Amino acid sequence: MRVNVLLFAAFREAVGASRLELDVPDGTTLRQVYALVEGGHPRLGLLRAYTTFARNREVAEGDTVVGPGDEIVFLQPVSGGSA
């Protein structure tokens, strides 16, 4: 099944693209999608510990199973705000 990975900020820089289309087997989790992308782009390993995920515009756990056509985003922690 095919999924779409959107890449922003440091993820885009590490991969050299803002979007990837991947064919993944049924039962693949968000964490496994990250590992597949990281396999071709080892610089993503530096970001792995700080990465969370979104699936179809909703924050999701790494063990969430993806489905055909899903939009996946790797997210970095956000800091700041007003006191």
C-alpha atoms as a PDB file:
ATOM      1  CA  MET A   1       0.000   0.000   0.000  1.00  0.00           C
ATOM      2  CA  ARG A   2       1.155   3.523  -0.697  1.00  0.00           C
ATOM      3  CA  VAL A   3       1.470   6.273   1.932  1.00  0.00           C
ATOM      4  CA  ASN A   4       2.562   9.900   1.624  1.00  0.00           C
ATOM      5  CA  VAL A   5       5.179  11.343   3.951  1.00  0.00           C
ATOM      6  CA  LEU A   6       5.364  15.122   4.258  1.00  0.00           C
ATOM      7  CA  LEU A   7       8.669  16.494   5.505  1.00  0.00           C
ATOM      8  CA  PHE A   8       9.237  19.865   7.143  1.00  0.00           C
ATOM      9  CA  ALA A   9      12.143  21.726   8.764  1.00  0.00           C
ATOM     10  CA  ALA A  10      15.039  19.483   9.838  1.00  0.00           C
ATOM     11  CA  PHE A  11      13.369  16.391   8.345  1.00  0.00           C
ATOM     12  CA  ARG A  12      13.188  18.049   4.930  1.00  0.00           C
ATOM     13  CA  GLU A  13      16.835  19.086   5.216  1.00  0.00           C
ATOM     14  CA  ALA A  14      17.928  15.568   6.223  1.00  0.00           C
ATOM     15  CA  VAL A  15      16.037  13.904   3.355  1.00  0.00           C
ATOM     16  CA  GLY A  16      16.453  16.601   0.713  1.00  0.00           C
ATOM     17  CA  ALA A  17      12.773  16.536  -0.223  1.00  0.00           C
ATOM     18  CA  SER A  18       9.502  17.849   1.148  1.00  0.00           C
ATOM     19  CA  ARG A  19       7.431  14.799   0.189  1.00  0.00           C
ATOM     20  CA  LEU A  20       7.940  11.076  -0.275  1.00  0.00           C
ATOM     21  CA  GLU A  21       5.595   8.380  -1.519  1.00  0.00           C
ATOM     22  CA  LEU A  22       6.338   4.983  -0.010  1.00  0.00           C
ATOM     23  CA  ASP A  23       5.003   1.518  -0.629  1.00  0.00           C
ATOM     24  CA  VAL A  24       4.705  -0.264   2.708  1.00  0.00           C
ATOM     25  CA  PRO A  25       3.253  -3.626   3.703  1.00  0.00           C
ATOM     26  CA  ASP A  26      -0.089  -3.956   5.478  1.00  0.00           C
ATOM     27  CA  GLY A  27       0.304  -3.591   9.231  1.00  0.00           C
ATOM     28  CA  THR A  28       3.129  -1.038   9.039  1.00  0.00           C
ATOM     29  CA  THR A  29       3.269   1.395  11.976  1.00  0.00           C
ATOM     30  CA  LEU A  30       4.286   5.042  11.982  1.00  0.00           C
ATOM     31  CA  ARG A  31       7.515   4.121  13.747  1.00  0.00           C
ATOM     32  CA  GLN A  32       8.264   1.581  11.006  1.00  0.00           C
ATOM     33  CA  VAL A  33       7.597   4.204   8.314  1.00  0.00           C
ATOM     34  CA  TYR A  34      10.180   6.422  10.021  1.00  0.00           C
ATOM     35  CA  ALA A  35      12.660   3.524  10.089  1.00  0.00           C
ATOM     36  CA  LEU A  36      12.107   2.891   6.367  1.00  0.00           C
ATOM     37  CA  VAL A  37      12.793   6.526   5.516  1.00  0.00           C
ATOM     38  CA  GLU A  38      15.760   6.600   7.889  1.00  0.00           C
ATOM     39  CA  GLY A  39      17.243   3.567   6.116  1.00  0.00           C
ATOM     40  CA  GLY A  40      17.741   5.673   3.015  1.00  0.00           C
ATOM     41  CA  HIS A  41      18.584   8.874   4.894  1.00  0.00           C
ATOM     42  CA  PRO A  42      20.776   8.090   7.924  1.00  0.00           C
ATOM     43  CA  ARG A  43      20.811  11.723   9.112  1.00  0.00           C
ATOM     44  CA  LEU A  44      17.270  11.116  10.349  1.00  0.00           C
ATOM     45  CA  GLY A  45      18.810   8.985  13.086  1.00  0.00           C
ATOM     46  CA  LEU A  46      19.875  12.187  14.827  1.00  0.00           C
ATOM     47  CA  LEU A  47      16.238  13.309  15.048  1.00  0.00           C
ATOM     48  CA  ARG A  48      14.605  10.006  15.976  1.00  0.00           C
ATOM     49  CA  ALA A  49      14.605  10.488  19.776  1.00  0.00           C
ATOM     50  CA  TYR A  50      12.770  13.813  19.420  1.00  0.00           C
ATOM     51  CA  THR A  51      10.253  12.814  16.768  1.00  0.00           C
ATOM     52  CA  THR A  52       6.517  12.457  17.191  1.00  0.00           C
ATOM     53  CA  PHE A  53       4.047  11.606  14.456  1.00  0.00           C
ATOM     54  CA  ALA A  54       0.873  12.801  12.791  1.00  0.00           C
ATOM     55  CA  ARG A  55      -1.381  10.641  10.642  1.00  0.00           C
ATOM     56  CA  ASN A  56      -4.006  12.353   8.521  1.00  0.00           C
ATOM     57  CA  ARG A  57      -3.502  15.640  10.402  1.00  0.00           C
ATOM     58  CA  GLU A  58      -3.913  14.142  13.861  1.00  0.00           C
ATOM     59  CA  VAL A  59      -1.098  13.473  16.320  1.00  0.00           C
ATOM     60  CA  ALA A  60      -0.684   9.712  16.695  1.00  0.00           C
ATOM     61  CA  GLU A  61       1.439   7.242  18.639  1.00  0.00           C
ATOM     62  CA  GLY A  62       4.357   5.524  16.929  1.00  0.00           C
ATOM     63  CA  ASP A  63       2.615   2.148  17.101  1.00  0.00           C
ATOM     64  CA  THR A  64      -0.374   3.417  15.065  1.00  0.00           C
ATOM     65  CA  VAL A  65      -0.894   1.282  11.954  1.00  0.00           C
ATOM     66  CA  VAL A  66      -1.039   3.228   8.685  1.00  0.00           C
ATOM     67  CA  GLY A  67      -3.542   2.703   5.904  1.00  0.00           C
ATOM     68  CA  PRO A  68      -3.576   3.197   2.127  1.00  0.00           C
ATOM     69  CA  GLY A  69      -3.205   6.837   1.119  1.00  0.00           C
ATOM     70  CA  ASP A  70      -2.447   8.047   4.636  1.00  0.00           C
ATOM     71  CA  GLU A  71      -0.654  11.360   5.022  1.00  0.00           C
ATOM     72  CA  ILE A  72       2.176  11.024   7.526  1.00  0.00           C
ATOM     73  CA  VAL A  73       4.156  13.855   9.068  1.00  0.00           C
ATOM     74  CA  PHE A  74       7.199  13.628  11.322  1.00  0.00           C
ATOM     75  CA  LEU A  75       7.019  16.312  14.012  1.00  0.00           C
ATOM     76  CA  GLN A  76       9.699  17.977  16.085  1.00  0.00           C
ATOM     77  CA  PRO A  77       8.974  19.231  19.592  1.00  0.00           C
ATOM     78  CA  VAL A  78       7.903  22.842  19.731  1.00  0.00           C
ATOM     79  CA  SER A  79       9.105  25.182  22.434  1.00  0.00           C
ATOM     80  CA  GLY A  80       8.456  28.742  23.306  1.00  0.00           C
ATOM     81  CA  GLY A  81       5.287  30.631  23.923  1.00  0.00           C
ATOM     82  CA  SER A  82       4.492  33.465  26.215  1.00  0.00           C
ATOM     83  CA  ALA A  83       4.906  33.493  29.956  1.00  0.00           C
END
